[in-house]
C-alpha atoms as a PDB file:
ATOM      1  CA  MET A   1      19.909  55.188 -27.672  1.00  0.00           C
ATOM      2  CA  VAL A   2      17.122  52.891 -26.569  1.00  0.00           C
ATOM      3  CA  ARG A   3      17.531  50.409 -23.734  1.00  0.00           C
ATOM      4  CA  ILE A   4      15.060  47.623 -23.202  1.00  0.00           C
ATOM      5  CA  SER A   5      15.146  45.557 -20.046  1.00  0.00           C
ATOM      6  CA  ASP A   6      13.287  42.441 -18.935  1.00  0.00           C
ATOM      7  CA  LEU A   7      12.844  41.236 -22.502  1.00  0.00           C
ATOM      8  CA  SER A   8      11.796  37.629 -22.982  1.00  0.00           C
ATOM      9  CA  PRO A   9      14.636  35.368 -24.185  1.00  0.00           C
ATOM     10  CA  ASN A  10      12.251  34.086 -26.875  1.00  0.00           C
ATOM     11  CA  TRP A  11      11.831  37.397 -28.674  1.00  0.00           C
ATOM     12  CA  GLU A  12      12.310  37.287 -32.420  1.00  0.00           C
ATOM     13  CA  ALA A  13      12.313  40.813 -33.766  1.00  0.00           C
ATOM     14  CA  LEU A  14      12.023  44.409 -32.686  1.00  0.00           C
ATOM     15  CA  ALA A  15      11.226  47.370 -34.941  1.00  0.00           C
ATOM     16  CA  PHE A  16      11.296  51.125 -34.396  1.00  0.00           C
ATOM     17  CA  ASP A  17       9.566  53.563 -36.727  1.00  0.00           C
ATOM     18  CA  LEU A  18      11.183  56.993 -36.873  1.00  0.00           C
ATOM     19  CA  TYR A  19       8.716  59.790 -37.549  1.00  0.00           C
ATOM     20  CA  GLN A  20       9.182  63.479 -38.057  1.00  0.00           C
ATOM     21  CA  GLU A  21       6.424  65.334 -36.245  1.00  0.00           C
ATOM     22  CA  ASN A  22       5.089  68.428 -37.949  1.00  0.00           C
ATOM     23  CA  GLU A  23       4.523  71.108 -35.351  1.00  0.00           C
ATOM     24  CA  GLU A  24       2.989  73.661 -37.730  1.00  0.00           C
ATOM     25  CA  LYS A  25      -0.488  74.757 -36.754  1.00  0.00           C
ATOM     26  CA  GLU A  26      -3.079  75.668 -39.360  1.00  0.00           C
ATOM     27  CA  THR A  27      -5.026  78.825 -38.771  1.00  0.00           C
ATOM     28  CA  VAL A  28      -7.877  77.532 -40.936  1.00  0.00           C
ATOM     29  CA  ASN A  29      -9.147  74.005 -41.200  1.00  0.00           C
ATOM     30  CA  VAL A  30      -9.146  73.668 -44.974  1.00  0.00           C
ATOM     31  CA  ASP A  31     -10.161  70.014 -44.855  1.00  0.00           C
ATOM     32  CA  ASP A  32     -13.585  71.041 -43.502  1.00  0.00           C
ATOM     33  CA  VAL A  33     -14.053  73.494 -46.340  1.00  0.00           C
ATOM     34  CA  THR A  34     -12.926  71.086 -49.028  1.00  0.00           C
ATOM     35  CA  SER A  35     -14.980  68.159 -47.760  1.00  0.00           C
ATOM     36  CA  ASP A  36     -17.818  69.133 -50.122  1.00  0.00           C
ATOM     37  CA  SER A  37     -15.548  69.056 -53.159  1.00  0.00           C
ATOM     38  CA  GLU A  38     -14.106  66.032 -54.899  1.00  0.00           C
ATOM     39  CA  THR A  39     -11.283  64.924 -52.625  1.00  0.00           C
ATOM     40  CA  ASP A  40      -9.541  61.615 -52.286  1.00  0.00           C
ATOM     41  CA  SER A  41      -9.653  60.398 -48.705  1.00  0.00           C
ATOM     42  CA  THR A  42      -6.182  58.920 -49.112  1.00  0.00           C
ATOM     43  CA  GLU A  43      -4.758  62.400 -49.654  1.00  0.00           C
ATOM     44  CA  GLU A  44      -5.264  63.482 -46.067  1.00  0.00           C
ATOM     45  CA  ILE A  45      -2.355  65.401 -44.619  1.00  0.00           C
ATOM     46  CA  ASP A  46      -0.621  63.342 -41.983  1.00  0.00           C
ATOM     47  CA  ALA A  47       0.879  65.234 -39.060  1.00  0.00           C
ATOM     48  CA  HIS A  48       3.575  62.580 -38.763  1.00  0.00           C
ATOM     49  CA  ALA A  49       5.794  61.560 -41.651  1.00  0.00           C
ATOM     50  CA  LEU A  50       7.605  58.209 -41.560  1.00  0.00           C
ATOM     51  CA  ILE A  51      11.333  58.673 -42.074  1.00  0.00           C
ATOM     52  CA  THR A  52      12.515  55.063 -41.737  1.00  0.00           C
ATOM     53  CA  THR A  53      12.032  51.815 -39.842  1.00  0.00           C
ATOM     54  CA  LEU A  54      14.823  50.187 -37.853  1.00  0.00           C
ATOM     55  CA  TYR A  55      14.748  46.424 -37.346  1.00  0.00           C
ATOM     56  CA  SER A  56      16.565  44.320 -34.796  1.00  0.00           C
ATOM     57  CA  ASP A  57      16.625  40.664 -33.806  1.00  0.00           C
ATOM     58  CA  GLN A  58      18.585  38.728 -31.249  1.00  0.00           C
ATOM     59  CA  ARG A  59      21.364  37.820 -33.697  1.00  0.00           C
ATOM     60  CA  LYS A  60      22.062  41.185 -35.299  1.00  0.00           C
ATOM     61  CA  THR A  61      20.416  44.298 -36.629  1.00  0.00           C
ATOM     62  CA  LYS A  62      18.809  43.845 -40.021  1.00  0.00           C
ATOM     63  CA  SER A  63      19.049  46.676 -42.479  1.00  0.00           C
ATOM     64  CA  GLU A  64      16.823  47.191 -45.463  1.00  0.00           C
ATOM     65  CA  GLU A  65      18.360  47.282 -48.906  1.00  0.00           C
ATOM     66  CA  GLY A  66      19.655  50.793 -49.563  1.00  0.00           C
ATOM     67  CA  LYS A  67      18.759  51.966 -46.059  1.00  0.00           C
ATOM     68  CA  GLY A  68      22.198  52.304 -44.558  1.00  0.00           C
ATOM     69  CA  VAL A  69      23.256  54.838 -41.991  1.00  0.00           C
ATOM     70  CA  LYS A  70      22.641  58.310 -43.321  1.00  0.00           C
ATOM     71  CA  THR A  71      24.656  61.381 -42.650  1.00  0.00           C
ATOM     72  CA  LYS A  72      23.240  64.364 -40.849  1.00  0.00           C
ATOM     73  CA  GLN A  73      23.076  66.160 -44.189  1.00  0.00           C
ATOM     74  CA  GLU A  74      21.089  63.329 -45.799  1.00  0.00           C
ATOM     75  CA  TYR A  75      18.588  63.361 -42.945  1.00  0.00           C
ATOM     76  CA  ALA A  76      18.314  67.135 -43.174  1.00  0.00           C
ATOM     77  CA  LEU A  77      17.590  66.852 -46.909  1.00  0.00           C
ATOM     78  CA  LEU A  78      15.022  64.117 -46.260  1.00  0.00           C
ATOM     79  CA  VAL A  79      13.242  66.199 -43.621  1.00  0.00           C
ATOM     80  CA  ASN A  80      13.342  69.219 -45.938  1.00  0.00           C
ATOM     81  CA  ASP A  81      11.724  67.163 -48.720  1.00  0.00           C
ATOM     82  CA  LEU A  82       9.009  65.970 -46.334  1.00  0.00           C
ATOM     83  CA  GLU A  83       8.286  69.558 -45.315  1.00  0.00           C
ATOM     84  CA  LYS A  84       8.074  70.604 -48.958  1.00  0.00           C
ATOM     85  CA  GLN A  85       5.597  67.805 -49.704  1.00  0.00           C
ATOM     86  CA  PHE A  86       3.479  68.855 -46.728  1.00  0.00           C
ATOM     87  CA  VAL A  87       3.468  72.511 -47.838  1.00  0.00           C
ATOM     88  CA  LYS A  88       2.533  71.540 -51.408  1.00  0.00           C
ATOM     89  CA  LYS A  89      -0.417  69.457 -50.163  1.00  0.00           C
ATOM     90  CA  LYS A  90      -1.631  72.341 -48.006  1.00  0.00           C
ATOM     91  CA  MET A  91      -1.360  74.700 -50.978  1.00  0.00           C
ATOM     92  CA  LYS A  92      -3.411  72.284 -53.077  1.00  0.00           C
ATOM     93  CA  ASN A  93      -6.052  72.107 -50.321  1.00  0.00           C
ATOM     94  CA  TYR A  94      -6.262  75.906 -50.159  1.00  0.00           C
ATOM     95  CA  GLU A  95      -6.686  76.016 -53.947  1.00  0.00           C
ATOM     96  CA  LYS A  96      -9.591  73.566 -53.655  1.00  0.00           C
ATOM     97  CA  ALA A  97     -11.078  75.623 -50.813  1.00  0.00           C
ATOM     98  CA  ILE A  98     -10.894  78.800 -52.910  1.00  0.00           C
ATOM     99  CA  THR A  99     -12.651  77.025 -55.790  1.00  0.00           C
ATOM    100  CA  VAL A 100     -15.415  75.760 -53.499  1.00  0.00           C
ATOM    101  CA  GLU A 101     -15.884  79.179 -51.885  1.00  0.00           C
ATOM    102  CA  ALA A 102     -15.968  80.968 -55.275  1.00  0.00           C
ATOM    103  CA  LYS A 103     -18.604  78.512 -56.529  1.00  0.00           C
ATOM    104  CA  HIS A 104     -20.664  79.098 -53.382  1.00  0.00           C
ATOM    105  CA  LYS A 105     -20.345  82.872 -53.858  1.00  0.00           C
ATOM    106  CA  ARG A 106     -21.527  82.706 -57.494  1.00  0.00           C
ATOM    107  CA  GLN A 107     -24.489  80.538 -56.541  1.00  0.00           C
ATOM    108  CA  THR A 108     -25.482  82.904 -53.711  1.00  0.00           C
ATOM    109  CA  GLN A 109     -25.155  85.913 -56.056  1.00  0.00           C
ATOM    110  CA  GLN A 110     -27.480  84.234 -58.573  1.00  0.00           C
ATOM    111  CA  GLU A 111     -30.033  83.476 -55.849  1.00  0.00           C
ATOM    112  CA  MET A 112     -29.863  87.092 -54.660  1.00  0.00           C
ATOM    113  CA  ASN A 113     -30.373  88.397 -58.214  1.00  0.00           C
ATOM    114  CA  GLU A 114     -33.441  86.158 -58.627  1.00  0.00           C
ATOM    115  CA  LEU A 115     -34.888  87.460 -55.362  1.00  0.00           C
ATOM    116  CA  GLN A 116     -34.354  91.066 -56.517  1.00  0.00           C
ATOM    117  CA  ARG A 117     -36.094  90.366 -59.839  1.00  0.00           C
ATOM    118  CA  ASP A 118     -39.027  88.718 -58.059  1.00  0.00           C
ATOM    119  CA  MET A 119     -39.454  91.715 -55.726  1.00  0.00           C
ATOM    120  CA  LYS A 120     -41.060  93.756 -58.534  1.00  0.00           C
ATOM    121  CA  TYR A 121     -44.113  91.531 -58.432  1.00  0.00           C
ATOM    122  CA  GLN A 122     -44.553  91.204 -54.676  1.00  0.00           C
ATOM    123  CA  VAL A 123     -46.796  92.936 -52.187  1.00  0.00           C
ATOM    124  CA  ASP A 124     -45.363  94.845 -49.221  1.00  0.00           C
ATOM    125  CA  GLU A 125     -45.382  91.893 -46.795  1.00  0.00           C
ATOM    126  CA  GLU A 126     -43.607  89.686 -49.317  1.00  0.00           C
ATOM    127  CA  LYS A 127     -41.103  92.438 -50.084  1.00  0.00           C
ATOM    128  CA  ALA A 128     -40.110  92.712 -46.431  1.00  0.00           C
ATOM    129  CA  ASP A 129     -39.459  88.968 -46.292  1.00  0.00           C
ATOM    130  CA  THR A 130     -37.525  89.062 -49.564  1.00  0.00           C
ATOM    131  CA  GLU A 131     -35.432  92.018 -48.386  1.00  0.00           C
ATOM    132  CA  SER A 132     -34.358  90.052 -45.301  1.00  0.00           C
ATOM    133  CA  LYS A 133     -33.431  87.096 -47.526  1.00  0.00           C
ATOM    134  CA  ILE A 134     -31.420  89.429 -49.772  1.00  0.00           C
ATOM    135  CA  ALA A 135     -29.610  90.839 -46.733  1.00  0.00           C
ATOM    136  CA  MET A 136     -28.694  87.293 -45.645  1.00  0.00           C
ATOM    137  CA  LYS A 137     -27.409  86.541 -49.159  1.00  0.00           C
ATOM    138  CA  LYS A 138     -25.273  89.707 -49.078  1.00  0.00           C
ATOM    139  CA  ASP A 139     -23.803  88.613 -45.736  1.00  0.00           C
ATOM    140  CA  ALA A 140     -23.045  85.174 -47.180  1.00  0.00           C
ATOM    141  CA  ILE A 141     -21.313  86.758 -50.190  1.00  0.00           C
ATOM    142  CA  GLN A 142     -19.239  88.992 -47.913  1.00  0.00           C
ATOM    143  CA  SER A 143     -18.306  85.967 -45.802  1.00  0.00           C
ATOM    144  CA  SER A 144     -17.238  84.102 -48.941  1.00  0.00           C
ATOM    145  CA  ASP A 145     -15.096  87.064 -50.013  1.00  0.00           C
ATOM    146  CA  GLU A 146     -13.420  87.131 -46.600  1.00  0.00           C
ATOM    147  CA  SER A 147     -12.773  83.385 -46.699  1.00  0.00           C
ATOM    148  CA  ILE A 148     -11.293  83.586 -50.195  1.00  0.00           C
ATOM    149  CA  GLN A 149      -9.016  86.430 -49.088  1.00  0.00           C
ATOM    150  CA  LEU A 150      -7.914  84.447 -46.044  1.00  0.00           C
ATOM    151  CA  TYR A 151      -7.144  81.366 -48.163  1.00  0.00           C
ATOM    152  CA  GLU A 152      -5.208  83.463 -50.666  1.00  0.00           C
ATOM    153  CA  ASP A 153      -3.174  85.016 -47.835  1.00  0.00           C
ATOM    154  CA  GLU A 154      -2.429  81.541 -46.460  1.00  0.00           C
ATOM    155  CA  GLN A 155      -1.379  80.420 -49.948  1.00  0.00           C
ATOM    156  CA  LYS A 156       1.029  83.355 -50.237  1.00  0.00           C
ATOM    157  CA  SER A 157       2.504  82.450 -46.864  1.00  0.00           C
ATOM    158  CA  LEU A 158       2.923  78.831 -47.960  1.00  0.00           C
ATOM    159  CA  GLN A 159       4.519  79.955 -51.222  1.00  0.00           C
ATOM    160  CA  GLU A 160       7.082  81.931 -49.224  1.00  0.00           C
ATOM    161  CA  LYS A 161       7.641  78.874 -47.015  1.00  0.00           C
ATOM    162  CA  LEU A 162       8.219  76.731 -50.108  1.00  0.00           C
ATOM    163  CA  GLN A 163      10.742  79.230 -51.464  1.00  0.00           C
ATOM    164  CA  LYS A 164      12.585  79.181 -48.135  1.00  0.00           C
ATOM    165  CA  LEU A 165      12.593  75.375 -48.140  1.00  0.00           C
ATOM    166  CA  ASN A 166      13.993  75.358 -51.678  1.00  0.00           C
ATOM    167  CA  LYS A 167      16.744  77.740 -50.590  1.00  0.00           C
ATOM    168  CA  LYS A 168      17.428  75.555 -47.543  1.00  0.00           C
ATOM    169  CA  GLN A 169      17.683  72.504 -49.809  1.00  0.00           C
ATOM    170  CA  GLN A 170      20.221  74.293 -52.005  1.00  0.00           C
ATOM    171  CA  ASP A 171      22.248  75.323 -48.949  1.00  0.00           C
ATOM    172  CA  LEU A 172      22.177  71.797 -47.551  1.00  0.00           C
ATOM    173  CA  ALA A 173      23.245  70.332 -50.898  1.00  0.00           C
ATOM    174  CA  MET A 174      26.225  72.712 -50.989  1.00  0.00           C
ATOM    175  CA  LYS A 175      27.612  71.471 -47.651  1.00  0.00           C
END
């Protein structure tokens, strides 16, 4: 219930947007990783999902076509669908992040191989410099492997979450 006091007698309309806030916290910011890849800026994951808008004027409450009062079960199904959409978008972002990280790993591996081939023709001072560059490339490859593993683990967790949401949807539909 919402009470509004001291409202001007000349008011025409009042609207309330109902949002469902997503309280899930990401352990990895995938958007930062995927920013280098081809992403559509309109596909950003919104932490708040609009459920409906309620309108009111001084004569009576307006209702949108097909937007009548929903039962608790209908709202639960709606929220469940919103959660599923959110999880699917996160899974897609992790897939993009894995692709970007794998590409980076391959590129770093190629650069490291070129440095190793060039070492045959270098003098001792150059070899020392090249060896340090190779060590940095190995560290970068290891970091990429760790990131890929982390993203894959997050994807598995999201897959389990999606399965649970599907089961919840079935249970809610049975009520």
